[in-house]
N, C-alpha and C. Protein backbone atom coordinates (compact mmCIF):
# COMPACT_ATOMS: atom_id res chain seq x y z
N MET A 1 85.02 2.03 -4.35
CA MET A 1 85.64 0.53 -4.35
C MET A 1 85.31 0.09 -6.09
N SER A 2 86.54 -0.62 -6.25
CA SER A 2 87.32 -1.14 -7.36
C SER A 2 85.91 -2.00 -7.95
N GLU A 3 86.20 -2.60 -9.59
CA GLU A 3 84.63 -3.52 -10.00
C GLU A 3 85.73 -4.16 -9.94
N GLN A 4 86.64 -5.12 -9.23
CA GLN A 4 87.29 -6.07 -8.73
C GLN A 4 86.25 -6.90 -7.27
N ARG A 5 86.45 -5.99 -6.16
CA ARG A 5 85.66 -6.44 -5.35
C ARG A 5 84.18 -5.63 -4.94
N ALA A 6 83.51 -5.67 -5.61
CA ALA A 6 82.29 -5.60 -6.37
C ALA A 6 81.90 -6.67 -6.82
N VAL A 7 82.38 -7.25 -7.97
CA VAL A 7 81.99 -8.51 -8.41
C VAL A 7 82.79 -10.04 -7.37
N ALA A 8 83.84 -9.93 -6.83
CA ALA A 8 83.72 -10.64 -5.66
C ALA A 8 82.97 -11.92 -4.46
N SER A 9 82.43 -12.67 -4.48
CA SER A 9 82.01 -13.45 -4.18
C SER A 9 82.32 -13.16 -1.84
N ILE A 10 81.27 -13.59 -1.55
CA ILE A 10 82.25 -13.05 -0.14
C ILE A 10 82.78 -14.16 0.77
N ASP A 11 82.27 -15.87 -0.51
CA ASP A 11 83.80 -16.41 -0.11
C ASP A 11 85.06 -16.15 -0.43
N ALA A 12 85.38 -15.90 -1.31
CA ALA A 12 86.69 -15.30 -2.78
C ALA A 12 87.05 -14.43 -1.54
N ARG A 13 86.16 -13.01 -0.97
CA ARG A 13 86.60 -12.43 -0.39
C ARG A 13 87.12 -12.94 1.26
N LEU A 14 86.82 -13.88 2.19
CA LEU A 14 86.87 -14.37 2.91
C LEU A 14 88.15 -15.47 2.53
N ASP A 15 88.77 -15.59 2.03
CA ASP A 15 89.46 -16.43 1.19
C ASP A 15 91.01 -16.06 1.30
N ASN A 16 90.71 -14.99 0.17
CA ASN A 16 91.10 -13.80 0.83
C ASN A 16 92.39 -12.80 1.61
N TRP A 17 90.91 -13.33 2.61
CA TRP A 17 91.40 -12.41 4.21
C TRP A 17 92.50 -13.81 4.56
N ALA A 18 91.99 -14.83 4.63
CA ALA A 18 92.49 -16.20 5.27
C ALA A 18 93.91 -15.42 5.11
N SER A 19 94.84 -15.39 3.68
CA SER A 19 95.66 -15.82 2.37
C SER A 19 96.23 -14.50 3.34
N ALA A 20 96.04 -13.55 3.95
CA ALA A 20 96.77 -12.79 4.35
C ALA A 20 98.08 -12.63 4.67
N SER A 21 98.30 -13.90 5.80
CA SER A 21 99.13 -14.44 6.07
C SER A 21 100.67 -15.35 5.40
N ARG A 22 99.50 -16.07 4.21
CA ARG A 22 99.84 -17.09 3.50
C ARG A 22 101.13 -16.48 2.10
N GLY A 23 101.24 -15.68 1.37
CA GLY A 23 100.73 -15.37 0.83
C GLY A 23 100.89 -14.35 -0.16
N ARG A 24 100.12 -14.26 -1.26
CA ARG A 24 99.82 -13.38 -2.28
C ARG A 24 97.37 -12.95 -1.71
N TYR A 25 98.40 -11.96 -1.50
CA TYR A 25 96.10 -11.61 -1.79
C TYR A 25 95.94 -10.64 -1.64
N ASP A 26 95.02 -9.61 -1.81
CA ASP A 26 95.09 -7.94 -1.49
C ASP A 26 95.02 -7.54 -0.72
N PRO A 27 96.15 -6.69 -0.09
CA PRO A 27 95.53 -6.53 1.23
C PRO A 27 94.75 -5.04 1.84
N THR A 28 94.34 -4.96 0.34
CA THR A 28 92.68 -3.71 0.34
C THR A 28 92.00 -4.53 0.81
N ASP A 29 91.22 -5.69 0.29
CA ASP A 29 90.22 -6.09 0.97
C ASP A 29 89.96 -6.82 1.95
N ALA A 30 91.58 -7.33 2.47
CA ALA A 30 91.87 -8.27 3.41
C ALA A 30 91.62 -7.48 4.88
N ALA A 31 92.29 -5.80 4.18
CA ALA A 31 92.10 -4.56 5.49
C ALA A 31 90.35 -4.82 5.70
N LEU A 32 89.35 -4.11 4.28
CA LEU A 32 88.38 -4.43 4.97
C LEU A 32 87.24 -5.32 5.59
N VAL A 33 88.33 -6.46 4.97
CA VAL A 33 87.49 -7.79 5.73
C VAL A 33 87.46 -7.77 7.27
N GLU A 34 89.03 -7.36 7.55
CA GLU A 34 89.36 -8.08 9.05
C GLU A 34 88.88 -6.94 9.65
N GLN A 35 88.09 -5.39 9.01
CA GLN A 35 88.02 -4.12 9.90
C GLN A 35 86.49 -5.25 10.35
N ALA A 36 86.14 -5.33 8.89
CA ALA A 36 84.20 -6.13 9.79
C ALA A 36 84.01 -7.52 10.27
N TRP A 37 85.78 -8.49 10.36
CA TRP A 37 84.91 -9.49 10.57
C TRP A 37 85.09 -8.28 12.91
N GLN A 38 85.54 -8.53 12.78
CA GLN A 38 86.80 -7.47 13.88
C GLN A 38 84.90 -6.92 14.38
N ARG A 39 83.84 -6.78 13.76
CA ARG A 39 82.48 -6.56 14.60
C ARG A 39 81.82 -6.96 14.55
N LEU A 40 82.14 -8.80 14.10
CA LEU A 40 81.17 -9.69 13.68
C LEU A 40 81.08 -9.85 15.89
N ALA A 41 79.55 -10.31 16.02
CA ALA A 41 79.44 -11.43 17.64
C ALA A 41 80.16 -12.37 17.32
N PRO A 42 80.75 -12.80 18.45
CA PRO A 42 81.83 -13.49 18.64
C PRO A 42 81.80 -14.90 18.32
N CYS A 43 80.22 -15.57 17.95
CA CYS A 43 80.37 -16.48 17.65
C CYS A 43 80.42 -17.24 16.49
N HIS A 44 79.94 -15.69 15.26
CA HIS A 44 80.36 -15.79 13.63
C HIS A 44 81.60 -15.43 13.43
N LYS A 45 82.22 -14.42 14.85
CA LYS A 45 84.25 -14.65 14.64
C LYS A 45 84.70 -15.50 14.01
N GLU A 46 84.25 -16.60 15.38
CA GLU A 46 85.35 -17.31 16.21
C GLU A 46 84.55 -18.88 14.71
N LEU A 47 84.53 -18.71 14.75
CA LEU A 47 83.56 -19.56 13.00
C LEU A 47 83.83 -19.17 12.01
N LEU A 48 84.49 -18.19 11.14
CA LEU A 48 84.78 -17.95 10.54
C LEU A 48 86.62 -17.60 10.55
N HIS A 49 87.10 -17.40 11.79
CA HIS A 49 88.31 -17.87 12.06
C HIS A 49 88.76 -19.42 11.45
N MET A 50 88.37 -20.43 12.45
CA MET A 50 88.30 -21.30 11.98
C MET A 50 88.45 -22.10 10.67
N ALA A 51 86.88 -21.78 9.98
CA ALA A 51 86.31 -22.05 8.22
C ALA A 51 88.12 -21.64 7.95
N TYR A 52 88.03 -20.43 7.72
CA TYR A 52 88.16 -19.38 6.82
C TYR A 52 90.40 -19.66 6.77
N GLN A 53 90.83 -19.66 7.58
CA GLN A 53 92.39 -18.97 8.88
C GLN A 53 92.58 -20.06 8.88
N TRP A 54 91.70 -20.66 9.81
CA TRP A 54 92.64 -22.31 10.38
C TRP A 54 92.15 -23.78 8.74
N ARG A 55 91.08 -23.91 8.89
CA ARG A 55 90.88 -23.87 7.29
C ARG A 55 90.67 -25.64 7.73
N ALA A 56 90.13 -25.31 9.39
CA ALA A 56 89.74 -26.22 10.11
C ALA A 56 87.89 -27.58 9.50
N GLY A 57 88.19 -28.61 9.24
CA GLY A 57 87.01 -29.15 8.77
C GLY A 57 85.62 -29.04 9.50
N ARG A 58 85.13 -29.54 9.59
CA ARG A 58 83.37 -29.43 10.01
C ARG A 58 83.00 -30.02 11.47
N GLU A 59 83.75 -31.30 12.02
CA GLU A 59 83.69 -31.97 13.11
C GLU A 59 84.47 -31.33 13.76
N VAL A 60 85.10 -30.43 12.92
CA VAL A 60 86.37 -30.14 14.39
C VAL A 60 85.66 -28.94 14.26
N ILE A 61 85.15 -28.32 13.85
CA ILE A 61 84.63 -27.01 14.22
C ILE A 61 83.04 -26.69 14.79
N CYS A 62 82.70 -27.85 14.57
CA CYS A 62 80.70 -28.71 15.45
C CYS A 62 81.49 -28.61 16.79
N ARG A 63 82.60 -29.27 17.37
CA ARG A 63 82.66 -29.82 18.33
C ARG A 63 83.56 -28.65 19.34
N ARG A 64 83.96 -27.42 18.56
CA ARG A 64 84.99 -26.73 19.84
C ARG A 64 83.83 -26.34 20.44
N LEU A 65 82.82 -25.64 18.61
CA LEU A 65 81.58 -24.43 19.02
C LEU A 65 80.89 -24.53 19.98
N LYS A 66 80.80 -25.84 19.81
CA LYS A 66 78.94 -26.89 20.11
C LYS A 66 77.66 -26.39 19.60
N ILE A 67 78.42 -26.75 18.00
CA ILE A 67 76.88 -27.06 16.97
C ILE A 67 76.84 -28.82 16.62
N PRO A 68 76.15 -28.25 16.88
CA PRO A 68 75.26 -30.03 15.93
C PRO A 68 75.61 -30.46 15.38
N ARG A 69 76.87 -31.45 15.32
CA ARG A 69 77.29 -32.49 14.11
C ARG A 69 76.18 -33.41 12.77
N ARG A 70 74.73 -33.18 13.72
CA ARG A 70 73.87 -34.35 13.00
C ARG A 70 72.26 -32.95 13.31
N PRO A 71 71.83 -32.95 12.25
CA PRO A 71 71.85 -33.36 10.58
C PRO A 71 73.09 -31.94 10.22
N TRP A 72 73.45 -32.51 9.44
CA TRP A 72 74.79 -31.59 8.96
C TRP A 72 74.28 -30.33 8.33
N HIS A 73 72.87 -30.31 7.89
CA HIS A 73 73.29 -28.92 7.84
C HIS A 73 72.61 -27.84 8.69
N LYS A 74 72.83 -27.63 10.16
CA LYS A 74 73.24 -27.38 11.27
C LYS A 74 74.63 -26.55 10.87
N TYR A 75 75.42 -27.30 10.26
CA TYR A 75 76.55 -26.13 10.16
C TYR A 75 76.84 -25.70 10.01
N GLU A 76 75.67 -25.62 8.06
CA GLU A 76 75.62 -25.69 7.79
C GLU A 76 75.08 -24.25 7.62
N LEU A 77 74.12 -23.85 7.84
CA LEU A 77 73.60 -23.03 8.49
C LEU A 77 74.30 -21.78 8.94
N GLU A 78 74.49 -22.19 10.13
CA GLU A 78 75.42 -22.05 10.86
C GLU A 78 76.73 -21.06 10.24
N LEU A 79 77.24 -21.42 9.50
CA LEU A 79 77.83 -20.84 8.46
C LEU A 79 77.84 -19.90 7.93
N ALA A 80 76.77 -19.69 7.38
CA ALA A 80 75.58 -19.58 5.73
C ALA A 80 75.36 -18.04 6.80
N ALA A 81 74.70 -17.56 7.60
CA ALA A 81 74.46 -17.09 9.01
C ALA A 81 75.86 -16.30 9.19
N ALA A 82 76.77 -16.73 9.76
CA ALA A 82 78.08 -15.64 9.29
C ALA A 82 78.66 -15.43 8.43
N LYS A 83 78.45 -16.42 7.20
CA LYS A 83 78.34 -15.17 6.37
C LYS A 83 77.65 -13.77 5.57
N GLN A 84 76.13 -14.75 6.06
CA GLN A 84 75.88 -13.30 5.60
C GLN A 84 75.83 -11.95 6.76
N SER A 85 76.44 -11.71 8.10
CA SER A 85 76.11 -11.52 8.91
C SER A 85 77.83 -10.34 8.27
N ILE A 86 78.97 -11.10 7.74
CA ILE A 86 80.61 -10.57 7.74
C ILE A 86 79.28 -9.45 5.96
N ALA A 87 79.62 -10.09 5.26
CA ALA A 87 78.59 -9.92 3.89
C ALA A 87 78.29 -8.16 3.81
N SER A 88 76.70 -8.58 4.97
CA SER A 88 76.19 -7.14 5.37
C SER A 88 76.54 -5.92 5.65
N LEU A 89 78.17 -6.64 6.75
CA LEU A 89 78.71 -5.37 7.43
C LEU A 89 79.45 -4.52 6.14
N LEU A 90 80.15 -5.30 5.16
CA LEU A 90 81.33 -4.99 4.27
C LEU A 90 80.41 -4.17 3.89
N ALA A 91 79.21 -4.75 3.70
CA ALA A 91 78.04 -3.16 2.25
C ALA A 91 78.41 -2.61 2.51
N VAL A 92 77.21 -2.03 4.61
CA VAL A 92 77.10 -0.51 5.01
C VAL A 92 79.24 -0.35 4.74
N GLN A 93 80.08 -0.79 4.91
CA GLN A 93 81.39 -0.46 4.95
C GLN A 93 81.73 1.14 3.26
N VAL A 94 80.47 -0.24 1.92
CA VAL A 94 81.30 1.29 0.82
C VAL A 94 80.85 2.25 0.13
């Protein structure tokens, strides 16, 4: 594993993964994130897909995935859980 990937945060890796169809990106890391994303639970898959690839707003994501919109931290907790899930899958791939 390259040092750059080791230092990159999960947010940066997900942004890179989402940029695969938009322009400049690291294809090797994007492929690793895609493989991990394929193994996620469906609810986490959809949440990360909407947040990073669609760049949808919190209101849209909450409405489509039936996440309570209030209090606002419910969405933040769901997003953090999805990020933690993919981060743990990526750690296993190393």
